[in-house]
Amino acid sequence: MRNACHKQSPHSGCRAVGAPGRQELQAAQMRAPLCLLLLLAHAVDMLALHRRKKQAGTGLGGNCTGCVICSEENGCSTCQQRLFLFIRREGIRQYGKCVHDCPLGFFGIRGQEANRCKKCGSTCESCFSQDFCIRCKRRFHLYKGKCLPTCPPGTLTHQSTRECQEECEPSPWGSWSPCIHNGKTCGSGWGLETRVREAGPAKQEETASCRVLSESRKCPIKRPCPGERNPRQKSRKDRKDRKDRRQRKDRKLERRTQLPGSQ
């Protein structure tokens, strides 16, 4: 039928369809890239929606536990009483979550309308409030709730907690130790006796260790060891023996001079 129309005269009433069919084909070919772009954009939107739903399931956003008002995209915006609203930001987006305790690096503020988690200062690792740090980040030292690059004068740094604490103050001197010579408390001659005092922290808290101060002095040892004589007693006896010998010698000389014929 189509071939017959091509053969008949234009005045016979049949319409030629060859040229319009080619135009429709060209238009369809031009629409094909546009359809592909629309399909690609739809796929991107679906992927983004899938990711948001996945985040809602894993708690990164959209977790509605404890919420009064919640959405899949932004999570909680209003929490139940006594819970804190924690806002987590990722780029230009933010997600709300209701928590019993604010995470590390945040502190809780209770208000009439809502309880919120607010971020600590830039140098704080954890804090009690905006103006009172509990623990500092690396390379900072904690002093009276503040995080400082170095401890102020008159304070020492605790090695494990990096807290600045008051310098040590010496305690009273203790009693003198027994007089010792060569590890013995008996014998003769002179020994040493020692007393100590600790340089403890100014505040009665467990802080950085402070050095122990000590002093020594000479002392006489007056107690003889078991089985030994006192050297002083021995020296007295020796002097007495020498004196007795001199006296006996003198008496012998006197007797010799008194004998007849001794002159």
C-alpha atoms as a PDB file:
ATOM      1  CA  MET A   1       0.000   0.000   0.000  1.00  0.00           C
ATOM      2  CA  ARG A   2       2.882   2.292   0.888  1.00  0.00           C
ATOM      3  CA  ASN A   3       4.595   1.581  -2.489  1.00  0.00           C
ATOM      4  CA  ALA A   4       1.333   2.179  -4.311  1.00  0.00           C
ATOM      5  CA  CYS A   5       0.970   5.638  -2.811  1.00  0.00           C
ATOM      6  CA  HIS A   6       4.454   6.505  -3.984  1.00  0.00           C
ATOM      7  CA  LYS A   7       3.574   5.521  -7.521  1.00  0.00           C
ATOM      8  CA  GLN A   8       0.253   7.364  -7.743  1.00  0.00           C
ATOM      9  CA  SER A   9      -0.079  10.986  -8.772  1.00  0.00           C
ATOM     10  CA  PRO A  10      -0.051  13.618  -6.061  1.00  0.00           C
ATOM     11  CA  HIS A  11      -3.602  14.461  -7.070  1.00  0.00           C
ATOM     12  CA  SER A  12      -4.901  10.956  -6.424  1.00  0.00           C
ATOM     13  CA  GLY A  13      -5.453  11.584  -2.620  1.00  0.00           C
ATOM     14  CA  CYS A  14      -2.530   9.484  -1.180  1.00  0.00           C
ATOM     15  CA  ARG A  15       0.004  11.259   1.135  1.00  0.00           C
ATOM     16  CA  ALA A  16       3.753  10.753   0.917  1.00  0.00           C
ATOM     17  CA  VAL A  17       5.230   9.737   4.332  1.00  0.00           C
ATOM     18  CA  GLY A  18       8.974   9.376   3.637  1.00  0.00           C
ATOM     19  CA  ALA A  19      10.175  12.871   4.735  1.00  0.00           C
ATOM     20  CA  PRO A  20       8.073  13.167   7.964  1.00  0.00           C
ATOM     21  CA  GLY A  21       9.299   9.735   9.181  1.00  0.00           C
ATOM     22  CA  ARG A  22      12.893  10.821   8.966  1.00  0.00           C
ATOM     23  CA  GLN A  23      12.151  13.955  11.023  1.00  0.00           C
ATOM     24  CA  GLU A  24      10.520  11.922  13.799  1.00  0.00           C
ATOM     25  CA  LEU A  25      13.556   9.615  13.919  1.00  0.00           C
ATOM     26  CA  GLN A  26      15.919  12.575  14.203  1.00  0.00           C
ATOM     27  CA  ALA A  27      13.811  14.083  17.019  1.00  0.00           C
ATOM     28  CA  ALA A  28      13.853  10.780  18.895  1.00  0.00           C
ATOM     29  CA  GLN A  29      17.618  10.594  18.565  1.00  0.00           C
ATOM     30  CA  MET A  30      17.934  14.097  19.993  1.00  0.00           C
ATOM     31  CA  ARG A  31      15.685  13.244  22.963  1.00  0.00           C
ATOM     32  CA  ALA A  32      17.703  10.148  23.902  1.00  0.00           C
ATOM     33  CA  PRO A  33      20.631  11.991  25.641  1.00  0.00           C
ATOM     34  CA  LEU A  34      18.157  14.103  27.583  1.00  0.00           C
ATOM     35  CA  CYS A  35      16.403  10.976  28.833  1.00  0.00           C
ATOM     36  CA  LEU A  36      19.732   9.503  29.909  1.00  0.00           C
ATOM     37  CA  LEU A  37      20.562  12.647  31.885  1.00  0.00           C
ATOM     38  CA  LEU A  38      17.197  12.532  33.627  1.00  0.00           C
ATOM     39  CA  LEU A  39      17.720   8.866  34.537  1.00  0.00           C
ATOM     40  CA  LEU A  40      21.203   9.625  35.896  1.00  0.00           C
ATOM     41  CA  ALA A  41      19.922  12.507  38.032  1.00  0.00           C
ATOM     42  CA  HIS A  42      17.174  10.283  39.437  1.00  0.00           C
ATOM     43  CA  ALA A  43      19.722   7.591  40.279  1.00  0.00           C
ATOM     44  CA  VAL A  44      21.885  10.136  42.138  1.00  0.00           C
ATOM     45  CA  ASP A  45      18.891  11.309  44.183  1.00  0.00           C
ATOM     46  CA  MET A  46      17.958   7.739  45.062  1.00  0.00           C
ATOM     47  CA  LEU A  47      21.547   6.997  46.133  1.00  0.00           C
ATOM     48  CA  ALA A  48      21.619  10.055  48.390  1.00  0.00           C
ATOM     49  CA  LEU A  49      18.306   9.038  49.942  1.00  0.00           C
ATOM     50  CA  HIS A  50      19.625   5.525  50.514  1.00  0.00           C
ATOM     51  CA  ARG A  51      22.695   6.901  52.275  1.00  0.00           C
ATOM     52  CA  ARG A  52      20.602   9.093  54.555  1.00  0.00           C
ATOM     53  CA  LYS A  53      18.409   6.139  55.479  1.00  0.00           C
ATOM     54  CA  LYS A  54      21.518   4.074  56.176  1.00  0.00           C
ATOM     55  CA  GLN A  55      22.891   6.831  58.405  1.00  0.00           C
ATOM     56  CA  ALA A  56      19.595   6.921  60.259  1.00  0.00           C
ATOM     57  CA  GLY A  57      19.929   3.194  60.888  1.00  0.00           C
ATOM     58  CA  THR A  58      23.512   3.444  62.151  1.00  0.00           C
ATOM     59  CA  GLY A  59      22.934   6.465  64.371  1.00  0.00           C
ATOM     60  CA  LEU A  60      24.884   9.041  62.333  1.00  0.00           C
ATOM     61  CA  GLY A  61      21.706  10.961  61.683  1.00  0.00           C
ATOM     62  CA  GLY A  62      17.999  10.483  61.899  1.00  0.00           C
ATOM     63  CA  ASN A  63      18.154   8.351  65.062  1.00  0.00           C
ATOM     64  CA  CYS A  64      14.861   9.233  66.699  1.00  0.00           C
ATOM     65  CA  THR A  65      15.371   7.480  70.029  1.00  0.00           C
ATOM     66  CA  GLY A  66      14.285   9.818  72.812  1.00  0.00           C
ATOM     67  CA  CYS A  67      13.075  12.459  70.334  1.00  0.00           C
ATOM     68  CA  VAL A  68       9.891  14.486  70.438  1.00  0.00           C
ATOM     69  CA  ILE A  69      10.361  15.912  66.925  1.00  0.00           C
ATOM     70  CA  CYS A  70      12.465  13.961  64.436  1.00  0.00           C
ATOM     71  CA  SER A  71      13.089  13.684  60.696  1.00  0.00           C
ATOM     72  CA  GLU A  72      14.943  11.137  58.584  1.00  0.00           C
ATOM     73  CA  GLU A  73      17.231  13.754  57.059  1.00  0.00           C
ATOM     74  CA  ASN A  74      18.172  15.876  60.112  1.00  0.00           C
ATOM     75  CA  GLY A  75      17.446  13.560  63.029  1.00  0.00           C
ATOM     76  CA  CYS A  76      16.140  14.986  66.291  1.00  0.00           C
ATOM     77  CA  SER A  77      15.297  18.630  66.737  1.00  0.00           C
ATOM     78  CA  THR A  78      13.530  18.331  70.118  1.00  0.00           C
ATOM     79  CA  CYS A  79      14.314  15.815  72.877  1.00  0.00           C
ATOM     80  CA  GLN A  80      12.383  14.328  75.716  1.00  0.00           C
ATOM     81  CA  GLN A  81      12.750  15.849  79.171  1.00  0.00           C
ATOM     82  CA  ARG A  82      16.140  15.348  80.905  1.00  0.00           C
ATOM     83  CA  LEU A  83      17.861  14.365  77.638  1.00  0.00           C
ATOM     84  CA  PHE A  84      20.435  16.528  75.888  1.00  0.00           C
ATOM     85  CA  LEU A  85      20.240  17.448  72.219  1.00  0.00           C
ATOM     86  CA  PHE A  86      23.592  16.740  70.574  1.00  0.00           C
ATOM     87  CA  ILE A  87      24.063  18.318  67.139  1.00  0.00           C
ATOM     88  CA  ARG A  88      26.670  16.728  64.905  1.00  0.00           C
ATOM     89  CA  ARG A  89      27.759  18.716  61.862  1.00  0.00           C
ATOM     90  CA  GLU A  90      29.128  17.167  58.693  1.00  0.00           C
ATOM     91  CA  GLY A  91      29.952  19.822  56.132  1.00  0.00           C
ATOM     92  CA  ILE A  92      26.872  21.956  55.587  1.00  0.00           C
ATOM     93  CA  ARG A  93      24.537  19.335  57.017  1.00  0.00           C
ATOM     94  CA  GLN A  94      23.728  18.672  60.664  1.00  0.00           C
ATOM     95  CA  TYR A  95      22.136  15.770  62.499  1.00  0.00           C
ATOM     96  CA  GLY A  96      20.474  15.816  65.901  1.00  0.00           C
ATOM     97  CA  LYS A  97      20.576  13.055  68.496  1.00  0.00           C
ATOM     98  CA  CYS A  98      19.148  12.831  72.020  1.00  0.00           C
ATOM     99  CA  VAL A  99      21.646  11.562  74.616  1.00  0.00           C
ATOM    100  CA  HIS A 100      21.749  11.087  78.386  1.00  0.00           C
ATOM    101  CA  ASP A 101      25.337  12.401  78.627  1.00  0.00           C
ATOM    102  CA  CYS A 102      27.181  14.664  76.238  1.00  0.00           C
ATOM    103  CA  PRO A 103      30.147  13.032  74.461  1.00  0.00           C
ATOM    104  CA  LEU A 104      33.806  13.805  75.113  1.00  0.00           C
ATOM    105  CA  GLY A 105      34.655  17.391  74.206  1.00  0.00           C
ATOM    106  CA  PHE A 106      31.137  18.657  75.005  1.00  0.00           C
ATOM    107  CA  PHE A 107      29.301  19.716  78.164  1.00  0.00           C
ATOM    108  CA  GLY A 108      25.580  19.832  78.916  1.00  0.00           C
ATOM    109  CA  ILE A 109      23.545  22.986  79.435  1.00  0.00           C
ATOM    110  CA  ARG A 110      20.039  22.683  80.846  1.00  0.00           C
ATOM    111  CA  GLY A 111      17.535  25.327  79.840  1.00  0.00           C
ATOM    112  CA  GLN A 112      13.846  26.036  80.152  1.00  0.00           C
ATOM    113  CA  GLU A 113      13.113  25.186  76.525  1.00  0.00           C
ATOM    114  CA  ALA A 114      15.780  22.574  75.775  1.00  0.00           C
ATOM    115  CA  ASN A 115      18.887  20.868  77.110  1.00  0.00           C
ATOM    116  CA  ARG A 116      21.815  21.059  74.713  1.00  0.00           C
ATOM    117  CA  CYS A 117      25.355  19.774  74.359  1.00  0.00           C
ATOM    118  CA  LYS A 118      27.820  22.588  73.817  1.00  0.00           C
ATOM    119  CA  LYS A 119      31.399  22.185  72.631  1.00  0.00           C
ATOM    120  CA  CYS A 120      34.316  22.747  75.018  1.00  0.00           C
ATOM    121  CA  GLY A 121      37.020  25.287  74.331  1.00  0.00           C
ATOM    122  CA  SER A 122      39.587  24.635  71.633  1.00  0.00           C
ATOM    123  CA  THR A 123      42.276  23.615  74.157  1.00  0.00           C
ATOM    124  CA  CYS A 124      40.040  21.399  76.326  1.00  0.00           C
ATOM    125  CA  GLU A 125      39.724  17.660  75.891  1.00  0.00           C
ATOM    126  CA  SER A 126      36.870  17.510  78.399  1.00  0.00           C
ATOM    127  CA  CYS A 127      35.217  20.233  80.433  1.00  0.00           C
ATOM    128  CA  PHE A 128      32.647  20.941  83.103  1.00  0.00           C
ATOM    129  CA  SER A 129      31.564  24.216  81.528  1.00  0.00           C
ATOM    130  CA  GLN A 130      32.738  26.686  78.931  1.00  0.00           C
ATOM    131  CA  ASP A 131      35.093  28.306  81.449  1.00  0.00           C
ATOM    132  CA  PHE A 132      36.267  25.234  83.406  1.00  0.00           C
ATOM    133  CA  CYS A 133      38.292  22.463  81.787  1.00  0.00           C
ATOM    134  CA  ILE A 134      38.746  19.046  83.372  1.00  0.00           C
ATOM    135  CA  ARG A 135      41.434  17.725  81.035  1.00  0.00           C
ATOM    136  CA  CYS A 136      43.504  19.495  78.398  1.00  0.00           C
ATOM    137  CA  LYS A 137      44.602  18.512  74.937  1.00  0.00           C
ATOM    138  CA  ARG A 138      48.181  17.587  74.184  1.00  0.00           C
ATOM    139  CA  ARG A 139      50.849  20.246  74.772  1.00  0.00           C
ATOM    140  CA  PHE A 140      48.611  22.105  77.232  1.00  0.00           C
ATOM    141  CA  HIS A 141      48.681  22.093  81.029  1.00  0.00           C
ATOM    142  CA  LEU A 142      45.685  22.288  83.360  1.00  0.00           C
ATOM    143  CA  TYR A 143      45.749  25.011  86.003  1.00  0.00           C
ATOM    144  CA  LYS A 144      42.620  25.964  87.967  1.00  0.00           C
ATOM    145  CA  GLY A 145      40.288  24.925  85.148  1.00  0.00           C
ATOM    146  CA  LYS A 146      42.302  26.633  82.407  1.00  0.00           C
ATOM    147  CA  CYS A 147      44.484  25.029  79.750  1.00  0.00           C
ATOM    148  CA  LEU A 148      47.779  26.888  79.453  1.00  0.00           C
ATOM    149  CA  PRO A 149      50.809  26.363  77.179  1.00  0.00           C
ATOM    150  CA  THR A 150      53.104  26.303  80.247  1.00  0.00           C
ATOM    151  CA  CYS A 151      52.583  26.127  83.992  1.00  0.00           C
ATOM    152  CA  PRO A 152      52.757  29.504  85.757  1.00  0.00           C
ATOM    153  CA  PRO A 153      55.687  30.370  88.057  1.00  0.00           C
ATOM    154  CA  GLY A 154      55.559  28.717  91.451  1.00  0.00           C
ATOM    155  CA  THR A 155      53.951  25.511  90.147  1.00  0.00           C
ATOM    156  CA  LEU A 156      55.158  22.114  88.972  1.00  0.00           C
ATOM    157  CA  THR A 157      53.817  19.863  86.209  1.00  0.00           C
ATOM    158  CA  HIS A 158      52.371  16.475  87.119  1.00  0.00           C
ATOM    159  CA  GLN A 159      53.804  14.016  84.610  1.00  0.00           C
ATOM    160  CA  SER A 160      50.736  11.802  84.079  1.00  0.00           C
ATOM    161  CA  THR A 161      47.869  14.323  84.290  1.00  0.00           C
ATOM    162  CA  ARG A 162      49.733  17.438  83.029  1.00  0.00           C
ATOM    163  CA  GLU A 163      48.268  19.461  85.890  1.00  0.00           C
ATOM    164  CA  CYS A 164      50.039  22.516  87.285  1.00  0.00           C
ATOM    165  CA  GLN A 165      50.315  22.169  91.045  1.00  0.00           C
ATOM    166  CA  GLU A 166      51.830  24.241  93.799  1.00  0.00           C
ATOM    167  CA  GLU A 167      55.526  23.908  94.549  1.00  0.00           C
ATOM    168  CA  CYS A 168      56.641  21.684  97.411  1.00  0.00           C
ATOM    169  CA  GLU A 169      56.744  22.985 100.963  1.00  0.00           C
ATOM    170  CA  PRO A 170      59.067  21.285 103.482  1.00  0.00           C
ATOM    171  CA  SER A 171      57.543  19.520 106.462  1.00  0.00           C
ATOM    172  CA  PRO A 172      59.060  19.763 109.985  1.00  0.00           C
ATOM    173  CA  TRP A 173      62.304  17.906 110.662  1.00  0.00           C
ATOM    174  CA  GLY A 174      62.011  14.426 112.047  1.00  0.00           C
ATOM    175  CA  SER A 175      63.932  12.988 114.987  1.00  0.00           C
ATOM    176  CA  TRP A 176      67.652  12.236 114.796  1.00  0.00           C
ATOM    177  CA  SER A 177      68.532   8.673 113.950  1.00  0.00           C
ATOM    178  CA  PRO A 178      70.776   6.555 116.213  1.00  0.00           C
ATOM    179  CA  CYS A 179      74.484   7.309 115.948  1.00  0.00           C
ATOM    180  CA  ILE A 180      76.008   4.895 113.429  1.00  0.00           C
ATOM    181  CA  HIS A 181      79.588   4.059 112.501  1.00  0.00           C
ATOM    182  CA  ASN A 182      80.284   1.478 109.793  1.00  0.00           C
ATOM    183  CA  GLY A 183      76.710   0.307 110.006  1.00  0.00           C
ATOM    184  CA  LYS A 184      76.874  -0.256 113.789  1.00  0.00           C
ATOM    185  CA  THR A 185      75.363   1.689 116.647  1.00  0.00           C
ATOM    186  CA  CYS A 186      78.069   0.511 119.043  1.00  0.00           C
ATOM    187  CA  GLY A 187      81.796   0.703 119.153  1.00  0.00           C
ATOM    188  CA  SER A 188      84.284   3.479 119.655  1.00  0.00           C
ATOM    189  CA  GLY A 189      85.016   6.780 118.022  1.00  0.00           C
ATOM    190  CA  TRP A 190      82.658   9.034 116.130  1.00  0.00           C
ATOM    191  CA  GLY A 191      79.648   8.223 113.982  1.00  0.00           C
ATOM    192  CA  LEU A 192      76.904  10.031 112.102  1.00  0.00           C
ATOM    193  CA  GLU A 193      73.291  10.653 112.978  1.00  0.00           C
ATOM    194  CA  THR A 194      70.746  11.794 110.381  1.00  0.00           C
ATOM    195  CA  ARG A 195      67.320  13.364 110.288  1.00  0.00           C
ATOM    196  CA  VAL A 196      64.987  13.898 107.329  1.00  0.00           C
ATOM    197  CA  ARG A 197      61.965  15.881 106.299  1.00  0.00           C
ATOM    198  CA  GLU A 198      59.776  15.551 103.203  1.00  0.00           C
ATOM    199  CA  ALA A 199      59.091  18.463 100.899  1.00  0.00           C
ATOM    200  CA  GLY A 200      55.402  17.750 100.399  1.00  0.00           C
ATOM    201  CA  PRO A 201      52.884  19.624  98.210  1.00  0.00           C
ATOM    202  CA  ALA A 202      51.378  22.816  99.474  1.00  0.00           C
ATOM    203  CA  LYS A 203      47.897  21.302  99.232  1.00  0.00           C
ATOM    204  CA  GLN A 204      47.157  17.946 100.781  1.00  0.00           C
ATOM    205  CA  GLU A 205      46.497  16.195  97.488  1.00  0.00           C
ATOM    206  CA  GLU A 206      48.252  13.392  95.689  1.00  0.00           C
ATOM    207  CA  THR A 207      50.441  15.308  93.279  1.00  0.00           C
ATOM    208  CA  ALA A 208      53.880  15.272  91.772  1.00  0.00           C
ATOM    209  CA  SER A 209      56.531  13.697  93.970  1.00  0.00           C
ATOM    210  CA  CYS A 210      58.797  16.135  95.789  1.00  0.00           C
ATOM    211  CA  ARG A 211      62.363  15.486  96.898  1.00  0.00           C
ATOM    212  CA  VAL A 212      63.267  14.419 100.426  1.00  0.00           C
ATOM    213  CA  LEU A 213      65.624  16.661 102.420  1.00  0.00           C
ATOM    214  CA  SER A 214      68.121  15.280 104.925  1.00  0.00           C
ATOM    215  CA  GLU A 215      71.051  16.440 107.054  1.00  0.00           C
ATOM    216  CA  SER A 216      73.700  14.632 109.106  1.00  0.00           C
ATOM    217  CA  ARG A 217      76.065  15.509 111.933  1.00  0.00           C
ATOM    218  CA  LYS A 218      78.870  13.869 113.875  1.00  0.00           C
ATOM    219  CA  CYS A 219      78.062  12.112 117.108  1.00  0.00           C
ATOM    220  CA  PRO A 220      80.117  10.193 119.693  1.00  0.00           C
ATOM    221  CA  ILE A 221      79.448   6.490 120.132  1.00  0.00           C
ATOM    222  CA  LYS A 222      79.494   5.772 123.857  1.00  0.00           C
ATOM    223  CA  ARG A 223      78.139   2.226 123.956  1.00  0.00           C
ATOM    224  CA  PRO A 224      80.594  -0.640 123.518  1.00  0.00           C
ATOM    225  CA  CYS A 225      79.634  -3.560 121.363  1.00  0.00           C
ATOM    226  CA  PRO A 226      78.921  -6.886 123.121  1.00  0.00           C
ATOM    227  CA  GLY A 227      82.193  -8.625 124.056  1.00  0.00           C
ATOM    228  CA  GLU A 228      84.278  -5.479 123.672  1.00  0.00           C
ATOM    229  CA  ARG A 229      85.668  -3.123 126.305  1.00  0.00           C
ATOM    230  CA  ASN A 230      85.105   0.544 126.171  1.00  0.00           C
ATOM    231  CA  PRO A 231      88.270   2.123 124.739  1.00  0.00           C
ATOM    232  CA  ARG A 232      88.126   4.852 127.361  1.00  0.00           C
ATOM    233  CA  GLN A 233      88.076   2.296 130.109  1.00  0.00           C
ATOM    234  CA  LYS A 234      90.945   0.507 128.419  1.00  0.00           C
ATOM    235  CA  SER A 235      93.006   3.688 128.203  1.00  0.00           C
ATOM    236  CA  ARG A 236      92.409   4.459 131.889  1.00  0.00           C
ATOM    237  CA  LYS A 237      93.573   0.974 132.842  1.00  0.00           C
ATOM    238  CA  ASP A 238      96.663   1.344 130.708  1.00  0.00           C
ATOM    239  CA  ARG A 239      97.533   4.639 132.355  1.00  0.00           C
ATOM    240  CA  LYS A 240      97.017   3.118 135.783  1.00  0.00           C
ATOM    241  CA  ASP A 241      99.198   0.141 134.885  1.00  0.00           C
ATOM    242  CA  ARG A 242     101.957   2.443 133.680  1.00  0.00           C
ATOM    243  CA  LYS A 243     101.707   4.473 136.856  1.00  0.00           C
ATOM    244  CA  ASP A 244     101.881   1.350 138.981  1.00  0.00           C
ATOM    245  CA  ARG A 245     104.933   0.141 137.113  1.00  0.00           C
ATOM    246  CA  ARG A 246     106.676   3.487 137.607  1.00  0.00           C
ATOM    247  CA  GLN A 247     105.882   3.408 141.303  1.00  0.00           C
ATOM    248  CA  ARG A 248     107.253  -0.133 141.688  1.00  0.00           C
ATOM    249  CA  LYS A 249     110.354   0.861 139.802  1.00  0.00           C
ATOM    250  CA  ASP A 250     110.841   3.878 142.023  1.00  0.00           C
ATOM    251  CA  ARG A 251     110.456   1.770 145.165  1.00  0.00           C
ATOM    252  CA  LYS A 252     113.076  -0.684 143.919  1.00  0.00           C
ATOM    253  CA  LEU A 253     115.485   2.159 143.300  1.00  0.00           C
ATOM    254  CA  GLU A 254     114.883   3.498 146.795  1.00  0.00           C
ATOM    255  CA  ARG A 255     115.591   0.106 148.374  1.00  0.00           C
ATOM    256  CA  ARG A 256     118.829  -0.224 146.412  1.00  0.00           C
ATOM    257  CA  THR A 257     120.056   3.143 147.637  1.00  0.00           C
ATOM    258  CA  GLN A 258     119.310   2.196 151.246  1.00  0.00           C
ATOM    259  CA  LEU A 259     121.377  -1.054 151.204  1.00  0.00           C
ATOM    260  CA  PRO A 260     124.877  -0.942 152.900  1.00  0.00           C
ATOM    261  CA  GLY A 261     127.633  -0.518 150.448  1.00  0.00           C
ATOM    262  CA  SER A 262     125.334   0.800 147.748  1.00  0.00           C
ATOM    263  CA  GLN A 263     127.263   4.108 147.804  1.00  0.00           C
END
